Protein backbone atom coordinates (compact mmCIF):
# COMPACT_ATOMS: atom_id res chain seq x y z
CA UNK A 1 23.29 4.57 13.97
CA UNK A 2 22.23 1.53 16.36
CA UNK A 3 18.93 0.26 17.15
CA UNK A 4 19.41 0.12 20.66
CA UNK A 5 18.21 3.81 21.14
CA UNK A 6 15.56 3.39 18.93
CA UNK A 7 12.11 2.13 20.42
CA UNK A 8 9.05 1.87 18.50
CA UNK A 9 5.56 2.51 20.21
CA UNK A 10 3.26 -0.65 20.72
CA UNK A 11 0.95 0.85 17.91
CA UNK A 12 3.68 0.80 15.39
CA UNK A 13 4.46 -2.80 16.03
CA UNK A 14 0.65 -3.75 15.82
CA UNK A 15 0.53 -1.84 12.33
CA UNK A 16 2.66 -4.81 11.11
CA UNK A 17 -0.01 -7.35 12.24
CA UNK A 18 -1.32 -9.14 9.05
CA UNK A 19 -4.73 -9.33 10.62
CA UNK A 20 -7.05 -8.81 13.78
CA UNK A 21 -6.53 -12.08 15.08
CA UNK A 22 -2.62 -11.83 14.82
CA UNK A 23 -2.77 -8.33 16.56
CA UNK A 24 -4.83 -9.72 19.43
CA UNK A 25 -2.90 -12.83 19.78
CA UNK A 26 0.78 -10.79 19.61
CA UNK A 27 -0.49 -8.53 22.32
CA UNK A 28 -0.80 -11.35 24.63
CA UNK A 29 2.65 -12.39 23.97
CA UNK A 30 4.32 -8.72 24.64
CA UNK A 31 5.12 -9.66 28.01
CA UNK A 32 8.11 -11.17 29.56
CA UNK A 33 6.43 -14.20 30.97
CA UNK A 34 6.48 -16.44 28.05
CA UNK A 35 10.11 -15.54 26.91
CA UNK A 36 13.49 -16.90 27.66
CA UNK A 37 17.03 -16.10 26.30
CA UNK A 38 15.78 -13.02 24.47
CA UNK A 39 18.35 -10.40 23.31
CA UNK A 40 19.14 -7.68 20.72
CA UNK A 41 22.03 -6.13 18.92
CA UNK A 42 23.28 -3.06 17.69
CA UNK A 43 22.45 -4.28 14.22
CA UNK A 44 18.73 -4.28 14.78
CA UNK A 45 18.31 -7.89 15.49
CA UNK A 46 16.20 -9.36 18.05
CA UNK A 47 15.83 -12.91 19.20
CA UNK A 48 14.05 -15.29 22.07
CA UNK A 49 12.53 -18.45 22.81
CA UNK A 50 8.88 -18.25 23.23
CA UNK A 51 7.00 -21.03 25.41
CA UNK A 52 4.35 -22.80 23.59
CA UNK A 53 1.93 -25.71 23.68
CA UNK A 54 4.73 -28.36 23.02
CA UNK A 55 7.93 -29.66 24.81
CA UNK A 56 10.16 -26.93 22.83
CA UNK A 57 9.88 -23.20 22.64
CA UNK A 58 9.76 -21.51 19.36
CA UNK A 59 12.85 -19.81 18.11
CA UNK A 60 12.04 -16.39 16.84
CA UNK A 61 14.22 -14.02 15.33
CA UNK A 62 13.57 -10.42 13.44
CA UNK A 63 15.70 -8.29 11.75
CA UNK A 64 14.54 -4.74 12.17
CA UNK A 65 17.07 -3.04 10.32
CA UNK A 66 16.26 -5.04 7.27
CA UNK A 67 16.15 -2.79 3.59
CA UNK A 68 12.91 -3.85 2.96
CA UNK A 69 11.51 -3.42 6.11
CA UNK A 70 11.23 -5.83 9.40
CA UNK A 71 11.87 -9.46 8.25
CA UNK A 72 11.01 -12.49 10.47
CA UNK A 73 12.04 -16.00 11.41
CA UNK A 74 10.13 -18.29 13.55
CA UNK A 75 10.10 -22.04 14.20
CA UNK A 76 6.21 -22.10 14.68
CA UNK A 77 3.64 -23.73 11.82
CA UNK A 78 2.17 -20.29 11.40
CA UNK A 79 1.90 -18.98 7.55
CA UNK A 80 1.10 -15.63 8.57
CA UNK A 81 3.93 -12.87 8.48
CA UNK A 82 4.68 -11.52 11.07
CA UNK A 83 3.22 -14.51 13.53
CA UNK A 84 2.09 -13.63 17.00
CA UNK A 85 5.44 -14.72 18.28
CA UNK A 86 7.37 -11.95 16.19
CA UNK A 87 4.70 -9.37 16.83
CA UNK A 88 5.41 -10.56 20.87
CA UNK A 89 9.04 -10.19 20.59
CA UNK A 90 8.98 -6.85 18.94
CA UNK A 91 6.37 -5.41 21.69
CA UNK A 92 8.69 -6.83 24.56
CA UNK A 93 11.54 -4.88 23.03
CA UNK A 94 9.31 -1.79 22.50
CA UNK A 95 7.86 -1.89 26.25
CA UNK A 96 10.95 -3.13 28.31
CA UNK A 97 14.42 -1.91 28.19
CA UNK A 98 15.56 -4.99 30.49
CA UNK A 99 13.49 -7.56 28.79
CA UNK A 100 15.46 -7.55 25.43
CA UNK A 101 18.82 -6.71 26.64
CA UNK A 102 22.00 -6.37 24.31
CA UNK A 103 23.96 -9.50 23.73
CA UNK A 104 25.62 -12.24 21.39
CA UNK A 105 22.91 -13.87 18.83
CA UNK A 106 22.87 -17.87 19.37
CA UNK A 107 23.93 -19.95 16.79
CA UNK A 108 20.35 -20.50 15.41
CA UNK A 109 19.52 -16.93 14.85
CA UNK A 110 22.92 -15.71 13.75
CA UNK A 111 22.79 -18.30 10.86
CA UNK A 112 19.71 -16.75 9.48
CA UNK A 113 20.76 -13.05 10.23
CA UNK A 114 24.39 -13.93 8.29
CA UNK A 115 22.04 -15.50 5.24
CA UNK A 116 20.10 -12.69 4.96
CA UNK A 117 23.25 -10.22 5.07
CA UNK A 118 24.84 -12.38 2.33
CA UNK A 119 21.95 -12.24 0.00
CA UNK A 120 21.53 -8.57 0.46
CA UNK A 121 25.25 -8.25 -0.71
CA UNK A 122 24.34 -10.25 -3.48
CA UNK A 123 21.42 -8.33 -4.47
CA UNK A 124 23.03 -4.86 -4.42
CA UNK A 125 25.88 -6.14 -6.32
CA UNK A 126 23.66 -7.57 -8.98
CA UNK A 127 22.71 -4.50 -10.84
CA UNK A 128 26.26 -3.37 -11.23
CA UNK A 129 27.23 -6.49 -12.41
CA UNK A 130 24.70 -6.56 -15.36
CA UNK A 131 25.52 -3.19 -16.40
CA UNK A 132 28.68 -3.99 -16.82
CA UNK A 133 28.62 -7.08 -18.57
CA UNK A 134 26.31 -5.55 -21.17
CA UNK A 135 24.31 -8.72 -21.49
CA UNK A 136 21.01 -7.09 -22.04
CA UNK A 137 19.89 -6.76 -25.85
CA UNK A 138 18.17 -3.66 -26.59
CA UNK A 139 16.93 -4.84 -30.00
CA UNK A 140 15.15 -7.98 -28.77
CA UNK A 141 13.58 -5.94 -26.05
CA UNK A 142 12.29 -3.42 -28.65
CA UNK A 143 10.91 -6.17 -30.78
CA UNK A 144 9.31 -7.76 -27.60
CA UNK A 145 7.66 -4.47 -26.56
CA UNK A 146 6.50 -3.94 -30.45
CA UNK A 147 4.75 -7.44 -30.12
CA UNK A 148 2.99 -6.83 -26.98
CA UNK A 149 2.00 -3.22 -28.44
CA UNK A 150 0.51 -4.99 -31.33
CA UNK A 151 -1.50 -7.66 -29.04
CA UNK A 152 -2.54 -4.86 -26.78
CA UNK A 153 -4.22 -2.77 -29.53
CA UNK A 154 -6.01 -5.84 -30.86
CA UNK A 155 -7.44 -6.38 -27.45
CA UNK A 156 -8.56 -2.84 -27.22
CA UNK A 157 -10.06 -2.87 -30.69
CA UNK A 158 -11.94 -6.00 -29.62
CA UNK A 159 -13.20 -4.25 -26.41
CA UNK A 160 -14.45 -1.16 -28.22
CA UNK A 161 -16.50 -3.34 -30.29
CA UNK A 162 -17.75 -5.14 -27.30
CA UNK A 163 -18.73 -2.00 -25.56
CA UNK A 164 -20.56 -0.83 -28.80
CA UNK A 165 -22.46 -3.80 -28.84
CA UNK A 166 -23.57 -3.55 -25.37
CA UNK A 167 -24.53 0.08 -25.53
CA UNK A 168 -26.55 -1.21 -29.02
CA UNK A 169 -28.63 -3.86 -27.15
CA UNK A 170 -29.01 -1.39 -24.17
CA UNK A 171 -27.82 -1.95 -20.71
CA UNK A 172 -30.35 -4.34 -19.46
CA UNK A 173 -28.77 -6.96 -21.40
CA UNK A 174 -25.75 -6.79 -19.18
CA UNK A 175 -27.92 -7.64 -16.36
CA UNK A 176 -29.76 -10.97 -17.75
CA UNK A 177 -26.39 -11.95 -19.18
CA UNK A 178 -24.79 -12.04 -15.73
CA UNK A 179 -20.85 -12.16 -14.57
CA UNK A 180 -20.02 -14.78 -17.49
CA UNK A 181 -20.00 -12.08 -20.12
CA UNK A 182 -17.69 -9.80 -18.38
CA UNK A 183 -15.34 -12.70 -17.23
CA UNK A 184 -15.21 -13.96 -20.66
CA UNK A 185 -14.07 -10.66 -22.13
CA UNK A 186 -11.61 -9.89 -19.26
CA UNK A 187 -9.97 -13.46 -20.07
CA UNK A 188 -9.68 -11.80 -23.58
CA UNK A 189 -7.89 -8.81 -22.45
CA UNK A 190 -5.39 -11.19 -20.34
CA UNK A 191 -4.81 -12.84 -23.73
CA UNK A 192 -4.17 -9.51 -24.97
CA UNK A 193 -1.49 -8.64 -22.10
CA UNK A 194 -3.16 -5.79 -21.13
CA UNK A 195 -4.14 -6.60 -17.35
CA UNK A 196 -5.16 -3.12 -16.82
CA UNK A 197 -8.09 -3.45 -19.13
CA UNK A 198 -8.93 -6.96 -17.88
CA UNK A 199 -9.36 -5.60 -14.22
CA UNK A 200 -11.42 -2.54 -15.03
CA UNK A 201 -13.55 -5.24 -17.09
CA UNK A 202 -14.01 -7.52 -14.41
CA UNK A 203 -15.13 -4.42 -11.87
CA UNK A 204 -18.09 -3.92 -14.78
CA UNK A 205 -19.44 -7.30 -13.73
CA UNK A 206 -20.24 -6.57 -10.45
CA UNK A 207 -22.19 -3.11 -10.99
CA UNK A 208 -25.38 -4.74 -12.17
CA UNK A 209 -26.08 -6.25 -8.79
CA UNK A 210 -24.90 -3.50 -7.11
CA UNK A 211 -28.29 -2.18 -5.96
CA UNK A 212 -30.42 0.75 -7.44
CA UNK A 213 -29.08 3.08 -9.75
CA UNK A 214 -26.55 0.67 -11.13
CA UNK A 215 -27.17 1.63 -15.08
CA UNK A 216 -25.93 5.15 -14.46
CA UNK A 217 -22.83 3.68 -12.78
CA UNK A 218 -22.19 1.07 -15.70
CA UNK A 219 -22.60 3.61 -18.15
CA UNK A 220 -20.18 5.91 -16.29
CA UNK A 221 -17.74 3.04 -16.05
CA UNK A 222 -18.05 1.96 -19.56
CA UNK A 223 -17.41 5.73 -20.75
CA UNK A 224 -13.97 5.59 -18.48
CA UNK A 225 -13.20 2.01 -20.11
CA UNK A 226 -13.91 3.48 -23.60
CA UNK A 227 -11.54 6.52 -22.93
CA UNK A 228 -8.92 4.46 -21.88
CA UNK A 229 -9.35 2.38 -24.89
CA UNK A 230 -9.10 5.48 -27.37
CA UNK A 231 -6.28 6.89 -25.17
CA UNK A 232 -4.34 3.56 -25.86
CA UNK A 233 -5.44 3.53 -29.80
CA UNK A 234 -4.52 7.18 -30.00
CA UNK A 235 -1.37 7.39 -27.92
CA UNK A 236 0.95 9.03 -30.48
CA UNK A 237 -1.27 12.02 -30.15
CA UNK A 238 -0.98 12.27 -26.38
CA UNK A 239 1.32 14.34 -24.50
CA UNK A 240 4.25 12.39 -22.88
CA UNK A 241 2.83 12.55 -19.33
CA UNK A 242 -0.79 11.65 -20.62
CA UNK A 243 0.69 8.60 -22.47
CA UNK A 244 2.73 7.28 -19.68
CA UNK A 245 -0.63 7.29 -17.53
CA UNK A 246 -2.37 5.57 -20.39
CA UNK A 247 0.55 2.58 -20.74
CA UNK A 248 0.27 2.30 -16.89
CA UNK A 249 -3.62 2.13 -16.86
CA UNK A 250 -3.54 -0.25 -19.43
CA UNK A 251 -1.22 -2.42 -17.60
CA UNK A 252 2.13 -2.08 -18.94
CA UNK A 253 4.56 -1.63 -16.14
CA UNK A 254 7.22 0.94 -16.29
CA UNK A 255 10.39 1.43 -14.53
CA UNK A 256 11.20 4.08 -11.68
CA UNK A 257 13.54 6.11 -13.86
CA UNK A 258 13.14 9.45 -12.18
CA UNK A 259 15.80 11.02 -10.46
CA UNK A 260 16.44 9.94 -6.89
CA UNK A 261 15.12 12.05 -4.23
CA UNK A 262 16.52 11.72 -0.81
CA UNK A 263 14.53 13.06 1.94
CA UNK A 264 13.36 12.22 5.61
CA UNK A 265 10.29 9.99 4.65
CA UNK A 266 7.50 9.81 7.24
CA UNK A 267 5.44 6.38 7.05
CA UNK A 268 1.81 8.16 6.89
CA UNK A 269 -0.03 4.65 6.05
CA UNK A 270 -0.06 0.91 5.27
CA UNK A 271 -2.66 -1.26 4.27
CA UNK A 272 -3.34 -4.64 2.33
CA UNK A 273 -5.91 -5.27 -0.27
CA UNK A 274 -6.25 -9.03 -1.66
CA UNK A 275 -7.91 -10.86 -4.28
CA UNK A 276 -7.96 -14.72 -5.17
CA UNK A 277 -4.54 -14.16 -6.70
CA UNK A 278 -2.46 -11.59 -5.36
CA UNK A 279 -2.30 -9.51 -2.20
CA UNK A 280 -1.22 -5.87 -2.76
CA UNK A 281 0.52 -3.56 -0.03
CA UNK A 282 0.03 0.43 -0.40
CA UNK A 283 2.57 2.37 1.73
CA UNK A 284 2.22 5.73 1.62
CA UNK A 285 5.25 8.55 2.40
CA UNK A 286 5.58 12.18 2.94
CA UNK A 287 8.85 13.59 2.52
CA UNK A 288 9.60 16.21 5.32
CA UNK A 289 11.68 18.56 3.13
CA UNK A 290 10.32 18.04 -0.32
CA UNK A 291 6.82 18.17 0.95
CA UNK A 292 6.04 15.32 -1.66
CA UNK A 293 3.81 12.22 -1.39
CA UNK A 294 4.70 9.11 -2.56
CA UNK A 295 3.36 5.53 -2.86
CA UNK A 296 5.28 2.25 -2.50
CA UNK A 297 3.51 -0.44 -3.72
CA UNK A 298 4.57 -4.34 -2.70
CA UNK A 299 2.90 -7.73 -3.49
CA UNK A 300 2.87 -11.10 -2.23
CA UNK A 301 1.36 -14.36 -3.46
CA UNK A 302 -2.45 -15.06 -2.53
CA UNK A 303 -2.63 -15.68 0.97
CA UNK A 304 0.86 -14.36 2.01
CA UNK A 305 1.88 -10.91 3.08
CA UNK A 306 4.37 -9.00 0.79
CA UNK A 307 7.85 -8.35 1.95
CA UNK A 308 7.94 -4.81 2.47
CA UNK A 309 6.77 -3.49 5.69
CA UNK A 310 7.12 0.00 7.31
CA UNK A 311 5.36 0.78 10.31
CA UNK A 312 3.14 3.58 10.62
CA UNK A 313 4.70 6.85 12.28
CA UNK A 314 8.30 5.70 11.69
CA UNK A 315 10.63 7.99 9.41
CA UNK A 316 13.57 6.87 7.25
CA UNK A 317 16.31 8.63 5.55
CA UNK A 318 16.13 7.14 2.35
CA UNK A 319 16.02 7.83 -1.51
CA UNK A 320 12.88 7.42 -3.87
CA UNK A 321 12.71 7.25 -7.48
CA UNK A 322 9.17 8.22 -9.40
CA UNK A 323 7.57 6.12 -12.13
CA UNK A 324 6.63 7.97 -15.10
CA UNK A 325 3.04 9.30 -15.71
CA UNK A 326 1.18 12.84 -15.43
CA UNK A 327 0.36 12.97 -11.86
CA UNK A 328 1.58 9.53 -10.74
CA UNK A 329 2.96 9.12 -7.12
CA UNK A 330 4.07 5.65 -7.39
CA UNK A 331 7.68 5.28 -6.58
CA UNK A 332 10.54 3.10 -5.63
CA UNK A 333 12.22 2.79 -2.43
CA UNK A 334 15.93 3.16 -3.11
CA UNK A 335 19.12 3.36 -0.61
CA UNK A 336 18.31 3.66 2.71
CA UNK A 337 20.72 5.54 4.95
CA UNK A 338 19.46 4.83 8.43
CA UNK A 339 17.38 2.28 9.96
CA UNK A 340 13.58 3.61 10.47
CA UNK A 341 12.95 5.62 13.80
CA UNK A 342 9.94 7.39 15.25
CA UNK A 343 9.12 10.60 13.53
CA UNK A 344 8.00 13.73 15.06
CA UNK A 345 6.79 15.54 12.17
CA UNK A 346 3.43 15.66 10.88
CA UNK A 347 2.18 16.48 7.19
CA UNK A 348 0.55 19.68 6.51
CA UNK A 349 -3.26 19.52 6.41
CA UNK A 350 -5.98 21.29 4.19
CA UNK A 351 -9.72 21.82 4.69
CA UNK A 352 -12.63 19.70 3.14
CA UNK A 353 -13.35 21.92 0.38
CA UNK A 354 -9.40 22.09 -0.75
CA UNK A 355 -9.28 18.39 -0.51
CA UNK A 356 -12.05 17.83 -2.85
CA UNK A 357 -10.70 20.56 -5.23
CA UNK A 358 -7.25 18.53 -5.16
CA UNK A 359 -9.13 15.64 -6.79
CA UNK A 360 -10.75 17.37 -9.13
CA UNK A 361 -7.32 18.99 -10.10
CA UNK A 362 -5.73 15.32 -10.22
CA UNK A 363 -8.55 14.19 -12.42
CA UNK A 364 -6.93 16.40 -15.36
CA UNK A 365 -3.74 14.27 -15.49
CA UNK A 366 -5.10 10.85 -14.82
CA UNK A 367 -9.20 10.87 -15.53
CA UNK A 368 -9.22 7.31 -14.12
CA UNK A 369 -7.75 8.31 -10.74
CA UNK A 370 -10.44 6.62 -7.86
CA UNK A 371 -8.85 9.01 -5.11
CA UNK A 372 -5.78 11.21 -4.15
CA UNK A 373 -3.74 11.11 -1.06
CA UNK A 374 -4.84 13.98 1.49
CA UNK A 375 -4.36 14.95 5.06
CA UNK A 376 -7.24 16.73 6.46
CA UNK A 377 -6.56 19.38 9.20
CA UNK A 378 -8.66 20.40 12.22
CA UNK A 379 -11.78 17.93 11.11
CA UNK A 380 -14.23 15.86 13.46
CA UNK A 381 -16.09 13.02 12.72
CA UNK A 382 -19.71 13.61 12.83
CA UNK A 383 -22.76 11.05 12.14
CA UNK A 384 -24.53 11.98 9.11
CA UNK A 385 -27.98 9.91 9.33
CA UNK A 386 -26.79 6.46 8.83
CA UNK A 387 -23.41 7.35 7.68
CA UNK A 388 -20.52 9.38 8.78
CA UNK A 389 -18.57 12.37 7.65
CA UNK A 390 -15.51 14.44 8.42
CA UNK A 391 -16.24 18.22 9.08
CA UNK A 392 -14.00 21.47 9.22
CA UNK A 393 -13.94 22.44 12.63
CA UNK A 394 -13.34 25.82 11.51
CA UNK A 395 -15.60 25.74 8.20
CA UNK A 396 -19.10 24.59 6.85
CA UNK A 397 -17.41 21.93 4.55
CA UNK A 398 -17.55 18.23 5.22
CA UNK A 399 -16.70 15.12 3.37
CA UNK A 400 -18.65 12.02 3.70
CA UNK A 401 -16.72 8.70 4.24
CA UNK A 402 -16.47 5.86 2.04
CA UNK A 403 -18.84 2.90 2.32
CA UNK A 404 -15.84 0.57 3.26
CA UNK A 405 -14.52 3.13 5.57
CA UNK A 406 -17.56 2.98 7.57
CA UNK A 407 -17.36 -0.56 8.08
CA UNK A 408 -14.13 -1.07 9.45
CA UNK A 409 -13.36 -0.92 12.92
CA UNK A 410 -10.95 2.27 12.27
CA UNK A 411 -14.02 4.46 12.35
CA UNK A 412 -14.42 4.03 16.11
CA UNK A 413 -10.72 4.24 16.95
CA UNK A 414 -10.92 7.69 14.92
CA UNK A 415 -14.24 8.67 17.00
CA UNK A 416 -12.60 7.63 20.23
CA UNK A 417 -9.34 9.63 19.35
CA UNK A 418 -11.36 12.76 18.16
CA UNK A 419 -14.12 12.74 21.32
CA UNK A 420 -15.65 15.65 19.48
CA UNK A 421 -12.44 17.62 19.31
CA UNK A 422 -10.28 18.43 16.01
CA UNK A 423 -8.15 15.85 14.96
CA UNK A 424 -5.54 15.52 11.61
CA UNK A 425 -6.44 12.84 9.42
CA UNK A 426 -4.58 11.51 6.62
CA UNK A 427 -6.24 9.33 3.88
CA UNK A 428 -7.53 9.00 0.38
CA UNK A 429 -10.08 11.32 -1.14
CA UNK A 430 -12.23 10.58 -4.18
CA UNK A 431 -15.28 10.27 -5.98
CA UNK A 432 -16.96 7.62 -3.54
CA UNK A 433 -15.84 9.82 -0.41
CA UNK A 434 -12.87 9.89 1.76
CA UNK A 435 -11.26 6.84 3.50
CA UNK A 436 -9.41 7.79 6.75
CA UNK A 437 -6.05 5.90 7.10
CA UNK A 438 -4.01 7.54 9.80
CA UNK A 439 -5.01 10.34 12.43
CA UNK A 440 -3.35 12.33 14.78
CA UNK A 441 -4.56 14.02 18.23
CA UNK A 442 -4.49 18.17 18.04
CA UNK A 443 -2.36 17.77 21.03
CA UNK A 444 1.31 16.27 20.65
CA UNK A 445 0.94 12.37 20.34
CA UNK A 446 1.55 9.32 18.41
CA UNK A 447 -0.24 8.85 14.84
CA UNK A 448 -2.94 6.05 15.34
CA UNK A 449 -3.63 3.63 12.35
CA UNK A 450 -6.76 3.36 11.55
CA UNK A 451 -6.73 0.67 8.52
């Protein structure tokens, strides 16, 4: 399958932008004016020279067919990926057939592309070589796992004591102690090699300053943390699926050992969350034949975008393997059999009431689950006092939007797309409300990213 006949939309290109500023700057470069010597290949490569403020134009090359999603190289000094020049080149390719004609890559582009192909071949050959060499030491791995389990158990036991001390002294003490109490406890969980416990402890630290009603919220989160502690300490008594979920929530990474499932996967949404240490990218997929939803996670060091990038609205013929755990949707992207191409299918939708029920059912398998992926069918965004909600067009139920969703520009894109008429919306439904991530008009039309 060649790339020449597969054109992305402008929205699919701009969905790759790392931030709003890059989106705006890239849009300005999506015209032929600043570009020269632009070209493309059947293998999915794009290249071109973009005039900048200096005497020499920026050399920009994009590999659309890369297995991890589009890859970029530009001689500009930007630390954003993709930079505005890569976005501009993709927009130029998406919008005009004659602007990026087929041709032979120049030496500077071919050198980078050849290096990527060579590294990809070595990466594919590495697992087979490792399996044939038998260099792994199962006994050493077992001993390491046992030592880590002992550390986690010690950390969970200590955390149980700290929670008991907090409740014995009263929740008012948490407000007086400030964030330092929780940060020190979180550091102890990091020492115990339980990053999942550490992350939940850090979240507790922000609750006393979160406004009216914080004692109730703090008590609820302490109860969930206590439940996770007890799940680990009594993991031998749990069903296999729930025990795997507890290990995942504690922070013990597993492997995607489920059987590979090949499908035509529609990219439903992609968005990043970041803290001081890490950028996490979440990509939601929906299998057209299997009707399954899968979550891909990719990570980048602080300030850098993760490598994996799949524009919303594209579909890819690929295999995914799921991670262990009851009700877990996380998966690993395996072999891809064709480059991503625009997908005409849409996921089936449910009502607002059915979405809430789906979240309740998921909590039975994973009590620590914040939300579940849901597609709402025929809903209308309507104001609700100072807030917004998604109301069923054909019923009386509605889902409130989360505080985070109400503060994003995507809300206004959703309102404009709807114009008071029903739309299909994919997002995450949980105890804080619904977060819309992608929407489709009722009439045939392209997916509109909202995040």
